[in-house]
């Protein structure tokens, strides 16, 4: 997930204004009236992402059911494609929405420090579902520096999950004889064939702003993921060492540059937007793709292509890797037990407990079934002993593409996703279906993407708050890396790649990389102590 950084000075000023505007932290229990979503509640919801547009509430079967049966209404506040600016405007005008849906880290901590969030500890103790499904170590890692919990996790897990990976265009792959695609050497030879025989097709698609490029890192080194690149350091013993000193990183950059120079990767890879990527995938103009969210791209692209040509579409493959590595120790993506992102309840909320109660319902079995599979009576009428829905006749007879698209609209409102429950329910449900009824996404996850995701929970919360000395160092180093990465991708020779790498290393060292890695190492070791203490 990529996000904008706003001016550090602006952020400081905004927080100063809000802290002085009477918006101190709401006392725990303040505004408590309703004790559950059944009593009815209405709240405003802001998704803090440029790409996110929240659909109107009550316009699909799931949210309509919730509105009628749980008496809950949500009023979306849209980002308008400029989430950071929208949030800053709401902060400075002291007109925050009731709920903010955002990444963990700096945004949350800024709001905590400004006294704009409601502490949720007593609600976690009072309501049953989060208490049952969220691990103690996960809750510990959600605590802010004051020791309180302000965040509600989304897609948290007690098991393994992941959506990153590689896929191939079946029609092209079959036409070229389905050659072995296991190593980076295999991939290079295959991409050359695609380039020469399919001039209108992108040999290797790498996603929005080239997000898939760094994903390749895990294929050059066992037990690793691109998380180490974002950390700017890789673990060696109990320390983080500079990523620029990692031979696997250098090898990856040389390989990526070779593909780019030979036009085997989109030449505007670092600039392209998501809609452009989807258009290529959905029209079949992609031969191979690597991406951190391959299951979504693959499922949508597969539906689009097979609608008119049932034997076409995309096929998930085991991650491409360096020859000689153990393929079972190669990981594409990393997962954290904390999941993806979080919701926070602001002090603007008149009844924070009612909102939390609704979220606790969401994350429980009934909420998860409604917001993933749809309400009872749509695609299921009964459930098994584990609480998983049993597919009814409509589920089995509705075309898979149509059913998946309908369910995807429900999932957009699943803001407290319980990964472990949903994964088990999906697997149970899919086991009862014939091969042509199974969803592309579920097959990809169960066969490849979950198995090739590495638990990187120990590295959460290692980013410093931006408006601090170490935060400014981190931003400067990130700027150095962003520029150097683009230079290495687009270099005209191996020599230029190595020169840009060496320059980036020197500039990062001068900007305080050692100090940053010392900070992140300390946070990492603190996480390990919290995780181990909960075992």
Protein backbone atom coordinates (compact mmCIF):
# COMPACT_ATOMS: atom_id res chain seq x y z
CA UNK A 1 0.00 0.00 0.00
CA UNK A 2 1.44 3.32 -1.01
CA UNK A 3 0.45 6.62 0.63
CA UNK A 4 1.31 10.31 0.37
CA UNK A 5 3.40 12.16 2.87
CA UNK A 6 2.23 15.66 3.66
CA UNK A 7 4.39 18.52 4.79
CA UNK A 8 5.80 17.82 8.24
CA UNK A 9 5.44 21.47 9.17
CA UNK A 10 1.80 21.46 8.09
CA UNK A 11 1.09 18.36 10.17
CA UNK A 12 2.69 19.95 13.25
CA UNK A 13 0.62 23.11 12.80
CA UNK A 14 -2.58 21.15 12.27
CA UNK A 15 -2.06 19.11 15.40
CA UNK A 16 -1.22 22.21 17.42
CA UNK A 17 -4.45 23.85 16.27
CA UNK A 18 -6.60 20.83 17.08
CA UNK A 19 -4.92 20.19 20.43
CA UNK A 20 -5.72 23.78 21.43
CA UNK A 21 -9.29 23.76 20.14
CA UNK A 22 -10.80 21.95 23.11
CA UNK A 23 -10.63 18.50 21.52
CA UNK A 24 -9.00 16.66 24.40
CA UNK A 25 -9.28 12.89 24.75
CA UNK A 26 -12.76 11.68 25.48
CA UNK A 27 -12.95 9.96 28.84
CA UNK A 28 -13.55 6.24 28.61
CA UNK A 29 -17.28 5.67 28.69
CA UNK A 30 -18.16 9.26 27.78
CA UNK A 31 -21.22 9.43 25.55
CA UNK A 32 -22.17 5.89 26.47
CA UNK A 33 -25.82 5.33 25.78
CA UNK A 34 -26.51 2.37 23.54
CA UNK A 35 -24.79 -0.80 24.62
CA UNK A 36 -25.19 -2.65 21.36
CA UNK A 37 -25.84 -2.19 17.68
CA UNK A 38 -29.33 -3.70 18.09
CA UNK A 39 -30.49 -0.44 19.70
CA UNK A 40 -29.67 1.40 16.51
CA UNK A 41 -26.89 3.79 15.68
CA UNK A 42 -25.87 6.09 12.85
CA UNK A 43 -22.27 7.13 12.30
CA UNK A 44 -20.12 8.82 9.67
CA UNK A 45 -17.24 6.89 8.11
CA UNK A 46 -14.16 8.21 6.31
CA UNK A 47 -11.86 5.89 4.34
CA UNK A 48 -8.42 7.52 4.44
CA UNK A 49 -7.29 6.32 0.99
CA UNK A 50 -7.15 8.17 -2.32
CA UNK A 51 -8.44 5.10 -4.16
CA UNK A 52 -11.36 4.31 -1.85
CA UNK A 53 -14.91 5.37 -2.66
CA UNK A 54 -17.37 3.96 -0.15
CA UNK A 55 -20.59 2.88 -1.83
CA UNK A 56 -23.93 4.19 -0.49
CA UNK A 57 -25.22 2.33 2.56
CA UNK A 58 -28.24 0.08 2.14
CA UNK A 59 -27.88 -0.41 -1.62
CA UNK A 60 -26.74 -4.04 -1.49
CA UNK A 61 -28.34 -7.04 0.21
CA UNK A 62 -25.86 -7.13 3.10
CA UNK A 63 -25.99 -3.47 4.20
CA UNK A 64 -29.74 -3.36 3.59
CA UNK A 65 -30.13 -6.36 5.91
CA UNK A 66 -27.97 -4.66 8.55
CA UNK A 67 -29.95 -1.45 8.29
CA UNK A 68 -33.24 -3.31 8.71
CA UNK A 69 -32.18 -5.89 11.30
CA UNK A 70 -29.37 -4.22 13.24
CA UNK A 71 -30.74 -0.68 12.88
CA UNK A 72 -27.30 0.59 11.85
CA UNK A 73 -26.80 3.29 9.25
CA UNK A 74 -23.42 4.47 7.98
CA UNK A 75 -22.90 7.81 6.25
CA UNK A 76 -19.79 7.70 4.02
CA UNK A 77 -17.46 10.70 3.85
CA UNK A 78 -15.52 10.42 0.57
CA UNK A 79 -11.84 11.27 0.12
CA UNK A 80 -12.37 12.63 -3.39
CA UNK A 81 -9.06 11.11 -4.44
CA UNK A 82 -7.15 13.33 -2.00
CA UNK A 83 -7.39 11.57 1.35
CA UNK A 84 -4.51 13.32 3.16
CA UNK A 85 -5.77 16.77 2.21
CA UNK A 86 -9.36 15.87 3.15
CA UNK A 87 -8.30 14.53 6.55
CA UNK A 88 -6.16 17.59 7.27
CA UNK A 89 -9.09 19.86 6.42
CA UNK A 90 -11.33 17.96 8.83
CA UNK A 91 -8.68 18.14 11.55
CA UNK A 92 -8.04 21.86 11.24
CA UNK A 93 -11.79 22.64 11.15
CA UNK A 94 -12.35 20.30 14.12
CA UNK A 95 -15.02 18.49 12.09
CA UNK A 96 -13.88 14.89 12.20
CA UNK A 97 -16.06 11.96 11.13
CA UNK A 98 -17.11 9.45 13.78
CA UNK A 99 -14.91 6.69 12.33
CA UNK A 100 -11.69 6.84 10.31
CA UNK A 101 -10.58 3.78 8.35
CA UNK A 102 -6.81 4.04 7.84
CA UNK A 103 -3.38 2.42 7.97
CA UNK A 104 -1.82 1.73 11.33
CA UNK A 105 1.04 3.99 12.33
CA UNK A 106 1.65 7.70 12.00
CA UNK A 107 -1.91 8.85 11.17
CA UNK A 108 -3.31 7.08 14.22
CA UNK A 109 -0.56 8.28 16.54
CA UNK A 110 -0.95 11.89 15.40
CA UNK A 111 -4.64 11.73 16.26
CA UNK A 112 -3.89 10.09 19.62
CA UNK A 113 -1.43 12.84 20.50
CA UNK A 114 -3.97 15.49 19.48
CA UNK A 115 -6.55 13.92 21.82
CA UNK A 116 -8.93 13.12 18.99
CA UNK A 117 -9.50 9.39 19.52
CA UNK A 118 -11.55 7.35 21.99
CA UNK A 119 -9.69 4.72 24.02
CA UNK A 120 -11.39 1.35 23.53
CA UNK A 121 -9.91 -0.81 26.29
CA UNK A 122 -13.09 -1.11 28.35
CA UNK A 123 -15.10 -2.06 25.27
CA UNK A 124 -12.63 -4.79 24.34
CA UNK A 125 -13.21 -6.19 27.83
CA UNK A 126 -17.00 -5.86 27.69
CA UNK A 127 -17.88 -7.29 24.26
CA UNK A 128 -17.36 -10.96 23.34
CA UNK A 129 -16.13 -11.34 19.77
CA UNK A 130 -12.85 -9.44 19.62
CA UNK A 131 -12.04 -10.96 23.01
CA UNK A 132 -12.59 -14.42 21.55
CA UNK A 133 -10.89 -14.05 18.16
CA UNK A 134 -8.04 -11.54 18.61
CA UNK A 135 -4.83 -12.91 20.12
CA UNK A 136 -3.49 -11.20 23.23
CA UNK A 137 -0.20 -10.53 21.46
CA UNK A 138 -2.12 -8.79 18.67
CA UNK A 139 -3.89 -6.51 21.13
CA UNK A 140 -0.59 -5.71 22.83
CA UNK A 141 0.87 -4.63 19.51
CA UNK A 142 -2.12 -2.33 18.91
CA UNK A 143 -1.42 -0.32 22.05
CA UNK A 144 -0.24 3.26 21.67
CA UNK A 145 2.61 4.72 23.70
CA UNK A 146 0.21 5.68 26.50
CA UNK A 147 -0.65 1.99 26.93
CA UNK A 148 -4.22 2.30 25.62
CA UNK A 149 -5.86 0.75 22.57
CA UNK A 150 -7.49 3.10 20.09
CA UNK A 151 -7.56 0.81 17.06
CA UNK A 152 -9.94 -1.85 15.74
CA UNK A 153 -8.05 -4.29 13.49
CA UNK A 154 -9.23 -5.39 10.06
CA UNK A 155 -8.43 -8.83 8.60
CA UNK A 156 -6.46 -9.85 11.68
CA UNK A 157 -5.60 -13.52 11.94
CA UNK A 158 -4.39 -16.32 14.14
CA UNK A 159 -3.33 -18.34 11.11
CA UNK A 160 -1.54 -17.76 7.82
CA UNK A 161 -2.80 -15.67 4.93
CA UNK A 162 -1.58 -13.70 1.93
CA UNK A 163 -2.77 -12.36 -1.41
CA UNK A 164 0.51 -11.67 -3.19
CA UNK A 165 1.94 -13.77 -5.97
CA UNK A 166 2.44 -14.56 -9.64
CA UNK A 167 -0.07 -15.49 -12.32
CA UNK A 168 0.02 -16.26 -16.03
CA UNK A 169 -2.38 -15.66 -18.90
CA UNK A 170 -3.64 -19.19 -19.65
CA UNK A 171 -4.32 -18.63 -23.33
CA UNK A 172 -0.80 -17.33 -24.03
CA UNK A 173 0.85 -19.88 -21.75
CA UNK A 174 -0.94 -22.76 -23.47
CA UNK A 175 -0.15 -21.41 -26.94
CA UNK A 176 3.57 -21.26 -26.06
CA UNK A 177 3.58 -24.88 -24.90
CA UNK A 178 3.41 -24.31 -21.14
CA UNK A 179 7.20 -24.20 -20.64
CA UNK A 180 8.70 -24.59 -17.15
CA UNK A 181 8.26 -21.38 -15.17
CA UNK A 182 10.09 -21.84 -11.90
CA UNK A 183 13.28 -19.80 -11.89
CA UNK A 184 14.11 -16.24 -12.90
CA UNK A 185 16.05 -17.71 -15.84
CA UNK A 186 12.91 -19.58 -16.94
CA UNK A 187 10.91 -16.38 -16.64
CA UNK A 188 13.38 -14.37 -18.72
CA UNK A 189 13.28 -16.87 -21.59
CA UNK A 190 9.49 -16.99 -21.48
CA UNK A 191 9.14 -13.21 -21.51
CA UNK A 192 11.36 -13.03 -24.58
CA UNK A 193 8.97 -15.38 -26.39
CA UNK A 194 6.00 -13.28 -25.38
CA UNK A 195 7.65 -10.05 -26.52
CA UNK A 196 8.50 -11.48 -29.93
CA UNK A 197 5.20 -13.28 -30.61
CA UNK A 198 2.70 -11.00 -28.87
CA UNK A 199 3.79 -7.40 -29.54
CA UNK A 200 0.57 -5.93 -28.13
CA UNK A 201 0.90 -7.78 -24.81
CA UNK A 202 2.85 -6.71 -21.72
CA UNK A 203 5.26 -9.61 -21.04
CA UNK A 204 5.51 -8.87 -17.29
CA UNK A 205 2.98 -6.62 -15.57
CA UNK A 206 4.12 -5.22 -12.20
CA UNK A 207 1.09 -3.28 -10.96
CA UNK A 208 0.31 0.25 -9.92
CA UNK A 209 3.45 2.40 -9.78
CA UNK A 210 5.55 -0.72 -10.15
CA UNK A 211 4.44 -2.15 -6.80
CA UNK A 212 5.18 -5.69 -7.96
CA UNK A 213 8.86 -5.00 -8.60
CA UNK A 214 9.92 -5.10 -4.95
CA UNK A 215 7.82 -8.26 -4.48
CA UNK A 216 10.51 -10.12 -6.44
CA UNK A 217 12.94 -9.68 -3.52
CA UNK A 218 11.55 -12.78 -1.78
CA UNK A 219 12.52 -14.86 -4.79
CA UNK A 220 16.20 -14.00 -4.44
CA UNK A 221 16.58 -14.99 -0.79
CA UNK A 222 15.00 -17.65 1.40
CA UNK A 223 12.72 -16.64 4.29
CA UNK A 224 12.48 -13.03 3.13
CA UNK A 225 9.90 -10.56 1.85
CA UNK A 226 9.85 -7.03 0.47
CA UNK A 227 9.06 -5.85 4.01
CA UNK A 228 12.83 -5.70 4.50
CA UNK A 229 13.06 -3.13 1.71
CA UNK A 230 10.49 -0.88 3.36
CA UNK A 231 12.37 -1.31 6.65
CA UNK A 232 15.51 -0.23 4.77
CA UNK A 233 17.22 -3.08 6.58
CA UNK A 234 17.36 -6.86 6.64
CA UNK A 235 17.61 -8.94 9.83
CA UNK A 236 20.93 -10.53 10.69
CA UNK A 237 20.90 -12.04 14.17
CA UNK A 238 19.23 -9.47 16.42
CA UNK A 239 20.10 -6.42 14.30
CA UNK A 240 18.85 -4.79 11.12
CA UNK A 241 21.60 -4.19 8.57
CA UNK A 242 21.36 -1.73 5.63
CA UNK A 243 19.34 -3.14 2.73
CA UNK A 244 21.96 -1.77 0.33
CA UNK A 245 24.47 -4.26 1.79
CA UNK A 246 22.25 -7.24 1.00
CA UNK A 247 23.53 -9.22 -2.02
CA UNK A 248 19.94 -10.34 -2.74
CA UNK A 249 18.82 -6.73 -3.11
CA UNK A 250 21.61 -5.94 -5.55
CA UNK A 251 20.88 -9.08 -7.54
CA UNK A 252 17.19 -8.20 -7.70
CA UNK A 253 17.87 -4.68 -8.99
CA UNK A 254 20.20 -5.96 -11.70
CA UNK A 255 17.56 -8.47 -12.83
CA UNK A 256 14.74 -5.91 -12.85
CA UNK A 257 16.87 -3.50 -14.83
CA UNK A 258 17.67 -6.17 -17.42
CA UNK A 259 13.96 -6.84 -17.91
CA UNK A 260 13.23 -3.14 -18.18
CA UNK A 261 16.05 -2.47 -20.68
CA UNK A 262 14.82 -5.29 -22.90
CA UNK A 263 11.25 -3.97 -22.76
CA UNK A 264 9.91 -7.00 -20.95
CA UNK A 265 8.26 -4.73 -18.37
CA UNK A 266 5.89 -1.83 -19.04
CA UNK A 267 8.09 1.19 -19.69
CA UNK A 268 5.86 3.47 -17.60
CA UNK A 269 5.71 0.93 -14.75
CA UNK A 270 6.71 3.45 -12.09
CA UNK A 271 4.05 5.97 -13.12
CA UNK A 272 1.03 3.89 -14.16
CA UNK A 273 -2.19 4.10 -12.15
CA UNK A 274 -4.41 1.27 -10.97
CA UNK A 275 -7.12 1.78 -13.60
CA UNK A 276 -4.56 1.40 -16.39
CA UNK A 277 -3.29 -1.84 -14.87
CA UNK A 278 -6.81 -3.25 -14.48
CA UNK A 279 -7.65 -2.39 -18.07
CA UNK A 280 -4.67 -4.40 -19.34
CA UNK A 281 -5.39 -7.35 -17.05
CA UNK A 282 -9.12 -7.42 -17.81
CA UNK A 283 -8.55 -7.34 -21.57
CA UNK A 284 -5.93 -10.10 -21.53
CA UNK A 285 -3.01 -7.88 -22.56
CA UNK A 286 -0.81 -9.28 -19.79
CA UNK A 287 1.21 -12.50 -20.09
CA UNK A 288 2.65 -12.72 -16.56
CA UNK A 289 1.92 -10.59 -13.52
CA UNK A 290 3.51 -10.21 -10.08
CA UNK A 291 1.65 -8.13 -7.48
CA UNK A 292 1.02 -7.88 -3.76
CA UNK A 293 -2.73 -8.26 -4.35
CA UNK A 294 -2.66 -10.78 -7.18
CA UNK A 295 -5.83 -12.50 -5.97
CA UNK A 296 -7.94 -9.41 -6.62
CA UNK A 297 -6.37 -8.62 -10.01
CA UNK A 298 -6.55 -12.29 -10.96
CA UNK A 299 -10.15 -12.83 -9.88
CA UNK A 300 -11.42 -9.73 -11.68
CA UNK A 301 -9.36 -10.40 -14.80
CA UNK A 302 -10.38 -14.05 -14.87
CA UNK A 303 -14.07 -13.11 -14.63
CA UNK A 304 -13.71 -10.58 -17.44
CA UNK A 305 -11.92 -12.95 -19.83
CA UNK A 306 -13.91 -16.12 -19.16
CA UNK A 307 -17.23 -14.30 -19.61
CA UNK A 308 -16.75 -14.54 -23.37
CA UNK A 309 -14.14 -17.30 -23.60
CA UNK A 310 -14.54 -19.94 -20.84
CA UNK A 311 -11.17 -21.63 -21.49
CA UNK A 312 -9.14 -18.41 -21.14
CA UNK A 313 -8.42 -16.41 -18.01
CA UNK A 314 -5.52 -16.48 -15.55
CA UNK A 315 -3.73 -19.19 -13.60
CA UNK A 316 -1.89 -18.76 -10.31
CA UNK A 317 1.65 -20.21 -10.26
CA UNK A 318 4.20 -20.94 -7.54
CA UNK A 319 6.51 -17.94 -6.97
CA UNK A 320 9.37 -17.48 -9.40
CA UNK A 321 12.70 -17.79 -7.59
CA UNK A 322 16.45 -17.93 -8.00
CA UNK A 323 17.81 -21.30 -9.09
CA UNK A 324 19.11 -23.31 -6.15
CA UNK A 325 16.75 -21.92 -3.51
CA UNK A 326 14.33 -24.19 -1.67
CA UNK A 327 10.98 -23.25 -3.25
CA UNK A 328 9.23 -23.97 0.05
CA UNK A 329 11.28 -21.23 1.70
CA UNK A 330 10.42 -18.63 -0.94
CA UNK A 331 7.82 -16.07 0.12
CA UNK A 332 6.09 -13.47 -2.02
CA UNK A 333 4.27 -11.49 0.63
CA UNK A 334 4.30 -11.03 4.35
CA UNK A 335 1.36 -11.09 6.71
CA UNK A 336 0.85 -9.65 10.16
CA UNK A 337 -1.52 -11.09 12.75
CA UNK A 338 -2.77 -7.50 13.12
CA UNK A 339 -4.04 -7.78 9.55
CA UNK A 340 -4.28 -4.97 7.04
CA UNK A 341 -5.53 -1.68 8.50
CA UNK A 342 -7.66 -0.31 11.34
CA UNK A 343 -10.69 1.74 12.26
CA UNK A 344 -10.52 4.39 14.97
CA UNK A 345 -13.44 6.11 16.70
CA UNK A 346 -13.00 9.84 17.09
CA UNK A 347 -14.14 12.10 19.93
CA UNK A 348 -16.74 13.50 17.54
CA UNK A 349 -18.77 10.31 17.96
CA UNK A 350 -21.82 10.84 20.20
CA UNK A 351 -22.02 7.16 21.13
CA UNK A 352 -18.64 5.45 20.70
CA UNK A 353 -19.77 2.35 22.55
CA UNK A 354 -22.60 1.72 20.10
CA UNK A 355 -20.13 1.99 17.23
CA UNK A 356 -17.72 -0.42 18.91
CA UNK A 357 -20.59 -2.81 19.62
CA UNK A 358 -21.41 -2.80 15.91
CA UNK A 359 -17.79 -3.54 15.02
CA UNK A 360 -17.75 -6.37 17.56
CA UNK A 361 -20.83 -7.78 15.85
CA UNK A 362 -19.15 -7.43 12.45
CA UNK A 363 -16.16 -9.47 13.54
CA UNK A 364 -18.29 -12.27 15.02
CA UNK A 365 -19.71 -15.23 13.08
CA UNK A 366 -23.02 -13.60 12.11
CA UNK A 367 -21.44 -10.34 10.97
CA UNK A 368 -18.77 -12.11 8.98
CA UNK A 369 -21.30 -14.32 7.21
CA UNK A 370 -23.54 -11.37 6.32
CA UNK A 371 -20.67 -9.17 5.10
CA UNK A 372 -18.85 -11.86 3.17
CA UNK A 373 -21.38 -14.40 1.91
CA UNK A 374 -24.47 -12.23 2.22
CA UNK A 375 -27.46 -12.50 4.59
CA UNK A 376 -29.17 -15.79 5.25
CA UNK A 377 -31.56 -16.67 2.44
CA UNK A 378 -29.40 -15.32 -0.38
CA UNK A 379 -26.62 -17.85 -1.01
CA UNK A 380 -27.06 -19.95 2.12
CA UNK A 381 -29.92 -21.12 4.35
CA UNK A 382 -28.15 -23.31 6.88
CA UNK A 383 -24.73 -23.57 8.51
CA UNK A 384 -22.53 -26.45 9.59
CA UNK A 385 -21.31 -27.31 13.09
CA UNK A 386 -18.46 -24.78 12.79
CA UNK A 387 -20.80 -21.96 11.84
CA UNK A 388 -19.78 -21.94 8.18
CA UNK A 389 -22.61 -21.33 5.67
CA UNK A 390 -23.77 -24.27 3.60
CA UNK A 391 -24.27 -23.19 -0.03
CA UNK A 392 -27.85 -23.36 -1.23
CA UNK A 393 -29.21 -23.97 -4.71
CA UNK A 394 -28.89 -20.32 -5.71
CA UNK A 395 -25.20 -20.29 -4.76
CA UNK A 396 -24.54 -23.37 -6.88
CA UNK A 397 -26.59 -22.26 -9.89
CA UNK A 398 -25.54 -18.60 -10.04
CA UNK A 399 -22.63 -18.13 -12.48
CA UNK A 400 -19.40 -17.89 -10.49
CA UNK A 401 -18.50 -14.51 -12.00
CA UNK A 402 -21.85 -12.98 -11.06
CA UNK A 403 -21.82 -14.47 -7.55
CA UNK A 404 -18.25 -13.34 -6.86
CA UNK A 405 -18.97 -9.79 -8.00
CA UNK A 406 -22.03 -9.61 -5.74
CA UNK A 407 -20.12 -10.91 -2.73
CA UNK A 408 -17.24 -8.52 -3.40
CA UNK A 409 -19.63 -5.61 -2.86
CA UNK A 410 -20.56 -7.00 0.55
CA UNK A 411 -16.91 -7.41 1.51
CA UNK A 412 -16.23 -3.71 0.86
CA UNK A 413 -18.12 -3.05 4.12
CA UNK A 414 -16.37 -5.72 6.17
CA UNK A 415 -14.24 -3.31 8.20
CA UNK A 416 -13.41 -5.76 10.98
CA UNK A 417 -12.53 -8.76 8.85
CA UNK A 418 -11.90 -11.95 10.84
CA UNK A 419 -9.47 -13.73 8.51
CA UNK A 420 -9.34 -17.03 10.38
CA UNK A 421 -13.13 -17.41 10.51
CA UNK A 422 -13.62 -16.43 6.87
CA UNK A 423 -10.79 -18.62 5.59
CA UNK A 424 -12.17 -21.69 7.35
CA UNK A 425 -15.70 -20.89 6.20
CA UNK A 426 -14.57 -20.37 2.58
CA UNK A 427 -12.65 -23.62 2.53
CA UNK A 428 -15.59 -25.51 4.03
CA UNK A 429 -18.02 -24.01 1.54
CA UNK A 430 -15.78 -24.47 -1.49
CA UNK A 431 -15.16 -28.11 -0.62
CA UNK A 432 -18.80 -28.82 -1.42
CA UNK A 433 -18.59 -27.33 -4.91
CA UNK A 434 -17.55 -28.79 -8.25
CA UNK A 435 -14.39 -27.46 -9.90
CA UNK A 436 -16.22 -25.06 -12.22
CA UNK A 437 -18.17 -23.57 -9.30
CA UNK A 438 -15.14 -22.71 -7.14
CA UNK A 439 -14.00 -19.09 -7.01
CA UNK A 440 -10.68 -18.17 -8.66
CA UNK A 441 -9.57 -16.24 -5.59
CA UNK A 442 -10.20 -19.07 -3.12
CA UNK A 443 -8.38 -21.60 -5.29
CA UNK A 444 -5.40 -19.25 -5.65
CA UNK A 445 -5.27 -18.63 -1.90
CA UNK A 446 -5.61 -22.23 -0.79
CA UNK A 447 -3.10 -23.61 -3.28
CA UNK A 448 -0.42 -20.90 -3.40
CA UNK A 449 -0.77 -17.44 -1.87
CA UNK A 450 -1.40 -18.47 1.73
CA UNK A 451 1.43 -20.98 1.61
CA UNK A 452 3.88 -18.41 0.26
CA UNK A 453 3.23 -15.66 2.81
CA UNK A 454 5.66 -15.12 5.70
CA UNK A 455 4.63 -14.03 9.20
CA UNK A 456 6.26 -10.62 9.68
CA UNK A 457 4.25 -9.51 12.71
CA UNK A 458 7.46 -8.94 14.65
CA UNK A 459 8.27 -5.96 12.40
CA UNK A 460 5.06 -3.95 12.93
CA UNK A 461 5.10 -0.48 14.51
CA UNK A 462 8.71 0.17 13.52
CA UNK A 463 8.03 3.40 11.63
CA UNK A 464 8.72 6.59 13.59
CA UNK A 465 6.17 9.40 13.83
CA UNK A 466 7.03 11.80 10.97
CA UNK A 467 7.19 15.03 12.95
CA UNK A 468 10.12 13.88 15.10
CA UNK A 469 13.87 13.91 14.53
CA UNK A 470 13.98 10.22 13.66
CA UNK A 471 10.82 10.61 11.57
CA UNK A 472 12.44 13.31 9.47
CA UNK A 473 15.50 11.10 9.03
CA UNK A 474 13.22 8.26 7.88
CA UNK A 475 11.48 10.50 5.33
CA UNK A 476 14.77 11.76 3.93
CA UNK A 477 16.04 8.20 3.56
CA UNK A 478 12.78 7.16 1.90
CA UNK A 479 13.16 10.01 -0.58
CA UNK A 480 16.72 8.88 -1.34
CA UNK A 481 15.51 5.32 -1.85
CA UNK A 482 12.58 6.29 -4.10
CA UNK A 483 14.88 8.26 -6.40
CA UNK A 484 17.59 5.58 -6.42
CA UNK A 485 15.08 2.80 -7.09
CA UNK A 486 13.76 4.61 -10.16
CA UNK A 487 17.32 5.26 -11.36
CA UNK A 488 18.24 1.60 -10.96
CA UNK A 489 15.10 0.35 -12.72
CA UNK A 490 15.63 2.69 -15.68
CA UNK A 491 19.45 2.54 -15.86
CA UNK A 492 21.06 1.93 -19.25
CA UNK A 493 23.58 -0.64 -18.02
CA UNK A 494 24.58 -2.85 -15.10
CA UNK A 495 27.27 -0.31 -14.31
CA UNK A 496 24.71 2.45 -13.90
CA UNK A 497 22.65 0.22 -11.59
CA UNK A 498 25.64 -0.45 -9.34
CA UNK A 499 26.66 3.21 -9.38
CA UNK A 500 23.14 4.33 -8.35
CA UNK A 501 23.11 1.66 -5.63
CA UNK A 502 26.44 2.85 -4.21
CA UNK A 503 25.36 6.49 -4.32
CA UNK A 504 22.10 5.68 -2.54
CA UNK A 505 24.03 3.81 0.15
CA UNK A 506 26.35 6.77 0.78
CA UNK A 507 23.53 9.31 0.76
CA UNK A 508 21.43 7.20 3.13
CA UNK A 509 24.36 6.78 5.51
CA UNK A 510 24.93 10.54 5.49
CA UNK A 511 21.21 11.09 6.15
CA UNK A 512 21.32 8.91 9.28
CA UNK A 513 20.53 5.35 8.11
CA UNK A 514 22.47 3.79 11.00
CA UNK A 515 20.45 5.83 13.50
CA UNK A 516 17.18 4.86 11.80
CA UNK A 517 18.06 1.16 11.78
CA UNK A 518 19.05 1.37 15.44
CA UNK A 519 15.59 2.83 16.19
CA UNK A 520 13.82 0.15 14.14
CA UNK A 521 15.92 -2.62 15.67
CA UNK A 522 14.90 -1.45 19.14
CA UNK A 523 11.20 -1.43 18.16
CA UNK A 524 11.57 -4.86 16.56
CA UNK A 525 13.12 -6.32 19.70
CA UNK A 526 10.37 -4.74 21.83
CA UNK A 527 7.79 -6.42 19.60
CA UNK A 528 9.46 -9.77 20.09
CA UNK A 529 9.29 -9.33 23.86
CA UNK A 530 5.56 -8.47 23.68
CA UNK A 531 4.86 -11.42 21.41
CA UNK A 532 6.81 -13.85 23.57
CA UNK A 533 5.22 -12.49 26.77
CA UNK A 534 1.78 -13.39 25.45
CA UNK A 535 2.68 -16.98 24.63
